[in-house]
């Protein structure tokens, strides 16, 4: 049987750091309030002229190095992003050119914070059907470009970054299953209410900023992530105790803790990075995965549950043996 197995990971965060104390000087908030409500202490912000593709390139090169792969080894490139460099070409095509990869399929996936989990599920299908053998998957965002820095409800939450994985065909178990969902009925709870089709002038005038109804999003996230845990375990005939590590979307420490309680998993087996870089949307799951692999917490043979929830609403999970 053919499996999709992670061969290497990489991550990258911009140099500029914006702390909670910095935000105290910008909006009516406090370090104590932000930490208590979100668990976030700081976030990284892309420099002027530093693009999503720039971040993606650094994370991708680190993942390729960790996997021992060269450009000619890769036959699929997927970038999960909400903040592409251009309307077109896709950020995946721009990244493909930067890395010297030629001829293979390259495309973006837009599922906001669930984007990386979506991309991982798609790559798994490519590999299991024989359409690809080695894929580069990147989650990369410059969310700071669509944040209203005078809106204290949203500006404290988000940051920029990129995470990447190389997955390849293997006879050894890897991705066990993926579960992807969306429901546009809830679009208005978390959105940027402007876009290309509605007119570039409107896009420029509106500022195209993230808008969020926080309490409603929080309740939906906790409920939905609880359901995706049950769905994933039931599908595979597994128990909660079979999961070694939870790698959640890094949006809010309270949501993360609620999901851990659902799994009856102690927090020392939950990868938490939200304190270090806030919500980096599609980049958050691969960044957390990369950190825990590189610091030695996650070891080969362990069972990992990746899960995320984002605007759309979208939500999903991936269960894998590392």
Protein backbone atom coordinates (compact mmCIF):
# COMPACT_ATOMS: atom_id res chain seq x y z
CA UNK A 1 0.00 0.00 0.00
CA UNK A 2 1.20 3.52 -0.82
CA UNK A 3 1.35 6.10 1.96
CA UNK A 4 2.16 9.81 2.14
CA UNK A 5 4.92 10.41 4.64
CA UNK A 6 6.49 13.62 5.98
CA UNK A 7 10.14 13.74 4.96
CA UNK A 8 11.08 17.17 6.33
CA UNK A 9 9.74 20.40 7.79
CA UNK A 10 10.75 24.05 7.85
CA UNK A 11 9.59 27.34 9.30
CA UNK A 12 10.34 31.02 9.03
CA UNK A 13 9.27 34.13 10.96
CA UNK A 14 10.04 37.74 9.99
CA UNK A 15 12.66 39.55 12.03
CA UNK A 16 10.42 42.35 13.30
CA UNK A 17 8.65 41.54 16.59
CA UNK A 18 5.59 43.38 17.89
CA UNK A 19 4.98 42.75 21.59
CA UNK A 20 1.85 43.27 23.65
CA UNK A 21 3.57 46.20 25.30
CA UNK A 22 4.07 47.74 21.84
CA UNK A 23 0.34 47.36 21.20
CA UNK A 24 -0.42 49.15 24.48
CA UNK A 25 1.03 52.24 22.82
CA UNK A 26 -1.15 51.80 19.72
CA UNK A 27 -4.64 50.86 21.01
CA UNK A 28 -6.59 50.73 24.27
CA UNK A 29 -5.44 47.32 25.52
CA UNK A 30 -3.00 45.78 27.97
CA UNK A 31 -0.49 42.97 28.04
CA UNK A 32 -2.44 41.29 30.85
CA UNK A 33 -5.72 41.38 28.93
CA UNK A 34 -4.18 39.96 25.74
CA UNK A 35 -2.35 37.15 27.53
CA UNK A 36 -5.41 36.23 29.61
CA UNK A 37 -7.83 36.19 26.67
CA UNK A 38 -5.58 34.77 23.94
CA UNK A 39 -2.29 33.46 25.34
CA UNK A 40 -0.38 35.67 22.89
CA UNK A 41 2.73 37.54 24.04
CA UNK A 42 4.17 38.71 20.72
CA UNK A 43 3.83 38.39 16.97
CA UNK A 44 6.19 38.76 14.01
CA UNK A 45 5.51 41.36 11.32
CA UNK A 46 6.83 41.33 7.76
CA UNK A 47 9.07 44.24 6.86
CA UNK A 48 8.12 46.74 4.18
CA UNK A 49 8.65 44.98 0.86
CA UNK A 50 8.81 41.53 2.47
CA UNK A 51 6.15 39.39 0.82
CA UNK A 52 4.32 36.13 1.47
CA UNK A 53 6.50 34.46 -1.17
CA UNK A 54 9.65 35.69 0.59
CA UNK A 55 8.52 33.98 3.80
CA UNK A 56 7.41 30.87 1.92
CA UNK A 57 10.76 30.58 0.18
CA UNK A 58 12.71 30.54 3.44
CA UNK A 59 10.44 27.94 5.03
CA UNK A 60 10.49 25.82 1.87
CA UNK A 61 14.29 25.82 1.62
CA UNK A 62 14.55 24.70 5.24
CA UNK A 63 12.04 21.89 4.67
CA UNK A 64 13.88 20.76 1.52
CA UNK A 65 17.18 20.73 3.41
CA UNK A 66 15.66 18.73 6.27
CA UNK A 67 14.25 16.20 3.78
CA UNK A 68 17.43 16.03 1.72
CA UNK A 69 15.54 17.06 -1.42
CA UNK A 70 16.60 19.13 -4.41
CA UNK A 71 14.40 21.08 -6.81
CA UNK A 72 14.34 18.24 -9.33
CA UNK A 73 12.90 15.86 -6.72
CA UNK A 74 9.68 17.88 -6.27
CA UNK A 75 6.74 17.24 -8.59
CA UNK A 76 3.97 19.18 -6.83
CA UNK A 77 3.90 22.59 -5.13
CA UNK A 78 0.92 23.78 -3.06
CA UNK A 79 0.86 27.06 -1.14
CA UNK A 80 -1.91 27.70 1.37
CA UNK A 81 -2.36 31.44 1.77
CA UNK A 82 -4.97 34.15 2.25
CA UNK A 83 -2.47 36.90 1.43
CA UNK A 84 -0.90 36.10 -1.97
CA UNK A 85 1.77 38.35 -3.47
CA UNK A 86 -0.27 39.05 -6.60
CA UNK A 87 -3.74 38.43 -8.03
CA UNK A 88 -1.89 36.12 -10.41
CA UNK A 89 0.35 34.25 -10.95
CA UNK A 90 -0.30 32.19 -7.83
CA UNK A 91 2.18 32.41 -4.99
CA UNK A 92 2.90 28.72 -5.66
CA UNK A 93 4.06 29.58 -9.19
CA UNK A 94 6.18 32.45 -7.90
CA UNK A 95 7.71 30.13 -5.30
CA UNK A 96 8.26 27.42 -7.89
CA UNK A 97 10.32 29.85 -9.97
CA UNK A 98 12.34 31.00 -6.92
CA UNK A 99 13.25 27.42 -6.07
CA UNK A 100 14.14 26.39 -9.63
CA UNK A 101 11.33 23.82 -9.86
CA UNK A 102 9.98 23.46 -13.40
CA UNK A 103 7.04 21.80 -15.11
CA UNK A 104 5.09 20.27 -12.23
CA UNK A 105 1.66 21.39 -11.00
CA UNK A 106 1.75 24.43 -8.70
CA UNK A 107 -1.27 26.16 -7.22
CA UNK A 108 -2.60 28.05 -4.20
CA UNK A 109 -5.25 26.88 -1.75
CA UNK A 110 -7.42 29.46 0.03
CA UNK A 111 -9.10 28.06 3.13
CA UNK A 112 -7.78 30.72 5.52
CA UNK A 113 -6.58 29.17 8.80
CA UNK A 114 -7.46 25.65 7.63
CA UNK A 115 -5.47 26.14 4.42
CA UNK A 116 -2.47 24.01 5.35
CA UNK A 117 -4.65 21.09 6.46
CA UNK A 118 -6.56 21.37 3.17
CA UNK A 119 -3.28 21.42 1.21
CA UNK A 120 -1.97 18.39 3.09
CA UNK A 121 -5.16 16.47 2.29
CA UNK A 122 -4.90 17.40 -1.39
CA UNK A 123 -1.24 16.38 -1.62
CA UNK A 124 -2.07 13.06 0.04
CA UNK A 125 -4.61 12.36 -2.74
CA UNK A 126 -2.08 13.26 -5.45
CA UNK A 127 0.48 10.88 -3.99
CA UNK A 128 -1.89 8.00 -3.26
CA UNK A 129 -3.26 8.11 -6.81
CA UNK A 130 0.24 8.16 -8.30
CA UNK A 131 -0.08 11.71 -9.69
CA UNK A 132 2.91 12.89 -7.63
CA UNK A 133 5.72 11.33 -5.64
CA UNK A 134 7.20 14.27 -3.72
CA UNK A 135 5.28 17.41 -2.80
CA UNK A 136 6.22 20.73 -1.24
CA UNK A 137 3.38 22.14 0.89
CA UNK A 138 3.66 25.62 2.38
CA UNK A 139 1.40 27.67 4.61
CA UNK A 140 2.46 31.32 4.40
CA UNK A 141 0.84 34.61 5.38
CA UNK A 142 1.44 38.32 5.67
CA UNK A 143 -1.76 38.97 7.60
CA UNK A 144 -0.39 42.25 8.93
CA UNK A 145 -1.30 43.73 5.52
CA UNK A 146 -5.03 43.15 6.09
CA UNK A 147 -5.21 44.13 9.77
CA UNK A 148 -6.73 47.39 10.97
CA UNK A 149 -4.13 48.39 13.56
CA UNK A 150 -6.65 50.68 15.26
CA UNK A 151 -9.07 47.79 15.89
CA UNK A 152 -8.10 46.36 19.26
CA UNK A 153 -10.33 43.29 18.80
CA UNK A 154 -8.33 42.00 15.84
CA UNK A 155 -4.90 43.65 15.82
CA UNK A 156 -3.78 41.81 18.96
CA UNK A 157 -4.41 38.39 17.39
CA UNK A 158 -2.54 38.08 14.12
CA UNK A 159 1.02 37.82 12.85
CA UNK A 160 3.08 36.85 9.81
CA UNK A 161 5.07 33.69 9.08
CA UNK A 162 5.50 30.57 6.98
CA UNK A 163 5.77 26.84 7.61
CA UNK A 164 6.51 24.08 5.11
CA UNK A 165 6.65 20.32 4.78
CA UNK A 166 7.99 17.92 2.19
CA UNK A 167 5.83 14.81 1.82
CA UNK A 168 6.68 11.83 -0.32
CA UNK A 169 5.35 8.45 -1.35
CA UNK A 170 6.36 5.69 1.06
CA UNK A 171 5.64 2.07 1.86
CA UNK A 172 5.72 3.07 5.53
CA UNK A 173 2.56 4.50 7.18
CA UNK A 174 2.25 8.28 7.10
CA UNK A 175 -0.98 10.23 6.61
CA UNK A 176 -3.72 7.95 7.94
CA UNK A 177 -6.70 10.14 7.02
CA UNK A 178 -7.74 13.72 6.40
CA UNK A 179 -11.14 15.29 6.98
CA UNK A 180 -12.06 18.59 5.33
CA UNK A 181 -15.22 20.66 5.76
CA UNK A 182 -16.71 24.10 5.09
CA UNK A 183 -19.99 25.95 5.59
CA UNK A 184 -20.37 29.33 3.94
CA UNK A 185 -23.47 30.05 6.02
CA UNK A 186 -21.14 31.52 8.64
CA UNK A 187 -19.10 33.69 6.26
CA UNK A 188 -20.09 36.95 7.93
CA UNK A 189 -18.65 36.01 11.32
CA UNK A 190 -15.05 36.18 10.11
CA UNK A 191 -14.23 37.90 6.85
CA UNK A 192 -12.51 40.57 4.81
CA UNK A 193 -15.58 42.14 3.16
CA UNK A 194 -13.90 43.27 -0.06
CA UNK A 195 -12.32 41.65 -3.09
CA UNK A 196 -11.35 41.80 -6.73
CA UNK A 197 -14.75 40.97 -8.25
CA UNK A 198 -16.48 43.63 -6.17
CA UNK A 199 -14.14 46.24 -7.64
CA UNK A 200 -10.56 47.38 -7.10
CA UNK A 201 -11.71 50.89 -6.16
CA UNK A 202 -13.91 49.49 -3.39
CA UNK A 203 -11.03 47.28 -2.26
CA UNK A 204 -8.73 50.30 -1.95
CA UNK A 205 -11.35 52.48 -0.23
CA UNK A 206 -12.39 49.84 2.31
CA UNK A 207 -8.86 49.01 3.36
CA UNK A 208 -9.80 45.32 3.07
CA UNK A 209 -9.34 44.59 6.78
CA UNK A 210 -10.21 41.50 8.78
CA UNK A 211 -13.56 41.74 10.55
CA UNK A 212 -14.47 39.26 13.28
CA UNK A 213 -17.36 38.66 15.66
CA UNK A 214 -15.10 37.21 18.28
CA UNK A 215 -17.47 35.59 20.77
CA UNK A 216 -19.44 33.81 18.06
CA UNK A 217 -16.29 32.62 16.31
CA UNK A 218 -14.91 31.31 19.61
CA UNK A 219 -18.05 29.27 20.33
CA UNK A 220 -18.18 27.86 16.80
CA UNK A 221 -14.48 26.95 16.87
CA UNK A 222 -14.71 25.04 20.15
CA UNK A 223 -17.82 23.12 19.06
CA UNK A 224 -16.58 22.36 15.56
CA UNK A 225 -13.11 21.25 16.61
CA UNK A 226 -14.68 18.94 19.18
CA UNK A 227 -16.70 17.33 16.38
CA UNK A 228 -13.69 16.94 14.09
CA UNK A 229 -11.81 15.11 16.85
CA UNK A 230 -14.68 12.62 17.19
CA UNK A 231 -15.00 12.24 13.42
CA UNK A 232 -11.30 11.54 12.97
CA UNK A 233 -11.09 8.98 15.75
CA UNK A 234 -14.32 7.23 14.76
CA UNK A 235 -13.27 7.01 11.12
CA UNK A 236 -10.08 5.20 12.09
CA UNK A 237 -11.48 3.10 14.95
CA UNK A 238 -9.07 4.74 17.36
CA UNK A 239 -9.27 5.86 20.97
CA UNK A 240 -8.26 9.23 22.36
CA UNK A 241 -5.38 7.54 24.15
CA UNK A 242 -3.92 6.48 20.77
CA UNK A 243 -2.96 10.09 19.95
CA UNK A 244 0.56 11.04 21.03
CA UNK A 245 0.51 14.72 20.02
CA UNK A 246 -2.06 17.37 19.21
CA UNK A 247 -0.82 20.04 16.78
CA UNK A 248 -3.66 22.58 16.68
CA UNK A 249 -4.18 25.79 14.77
CA UNK A 250 -2.65 28.50 16.92
CA UNK A 251 -5.50 30.99 17.25
CA UNK A 252 -6.27 31.25 20.94
CA UNK A 253 -4.98 29.35 23.97
CA UNK A 254 -8.52 28.89 25.30
CA UNK A 255 -9.61 27.13 22.09
CA UNK A 256 -6.47 24.98 22.19
CA UNK A 257 -7.11 23.96 25.80
CA UNK A 258 -10.75 23.13 25.03
CA UNK A 259 -9.68 20.78 22.22
CA UNK A 260 -7.09 19.17 24.47
CA UNK A 261 -9.78 18.53 27.09
CA UNK A 262 -11.89 16.88 24.41
CA UNK A 263 -9.02 14.49 23.74
CA UNK A 264 -8.26 14.14 27.47
CA UNK A 265 -4.73 15.07 26.48
CA UNK A 266 -2.35 16.75 28.95
CA UNK A 267 -1.05 20.10 27.75
CA UNK A 268 2.52 18.80 27.72
CA UNK A 269 1.48 16.74 24.67
CA UNK A 270 -0.09 19.70 22.90
CA UNK A 271 2.21 21.83 20.75
CA UNK A 272 1.61 25.48 21.67
CA UNK A 273 3.29 28.34 19.81
CA UNK A 274 0.52 30.93 19.89
CA UNK A 275 2.38 32.80 22.64
CA UNK A 276 5.36 33.31 20.33
CA UNK A 277 3.75 34.42 17.08
CA UNK A 278 -0.02 34.76 17.47
CA UNK A 279 -2.41 33.56 14.79
CA UNK A 280 -0.50 33.16 11.53
CA UNK A 281 -3.50 31.59 9.77
CA UNK A 282 -2.38 28.95 7.23
CA UNK A 283 1.18 29.09 8.58
CA UNK A 284 0.32 28.23 12.18
CA UNK A 285 -0.02 24.42 11.99
CA UNK A 286 3.17 23.82 9.96
CA UNK A 287 5.10 26.28 12.14
CA UNK A 288 4.03 24.41 15.27
CA UNK A 289 4.80 21.05 13.66
CA UNK A 290 8.26 22.20 12.59
CA UNK A 291 9.10 23.56 16.04
CA UNK A 292 8.13 20.36 17.85
CA UNK A 293 10.01 18.14 15.39
CA UNK A 294 13.14 20.27 15.49
CA UNK A 295 13.27 20.50 19.28
CA UNK A 296 12.94 16.71 19.54
CA UNK A 297 9.54 16.48 21.22
CA UNK A 298 7.92 14.66 18.30
CA UNK A 299 9.64 11.43 17.35
CA UNK A 300 9.32 8.99 14.46
CA UNK A 301 6.51 6.49 14.92
CA UNK A 302 4.30 8.75 17.01
CA UNK A 303 0.68 9.50 16.10
CA UNK A 304 -0.15 13.16 15.46
CA UNK A 305 -3.49 14.92 15.13
CA UNK A 306 -3.42 18.19 13.21
CA UNK A 307 -6.57 20.33 13.28
CA UNK A 308 -7.66 23.81 12.27
CA UNK A 309 -10.63 26.14 12.00
CA UNK A 310 -10.86 29.29 9.91
CA UNK A 311 -12.93 31.81 8.02
CA UNK A 312 -15.43 30.43 5.59
CA UNK A 313 -16.09 28.72 7.92
CA UNK A 314 -13.60 25.99 7.07
CA UNK A 315 -12.36 23.28 9.37
CA UNK A 316 -10.41 20.06 9.07
CA UNK A 317 -8.02 17.54 10.51
CA UNK A 318 -5.20 15.24 9.45
CA UNK A 319 -4.20 12.15 11.38
CA UNK A 320 -0.73 10.86 10.66
CA UNK A 321 2.08 8.68 11.84
CA UNK A 322 5.28 10.70 11.82
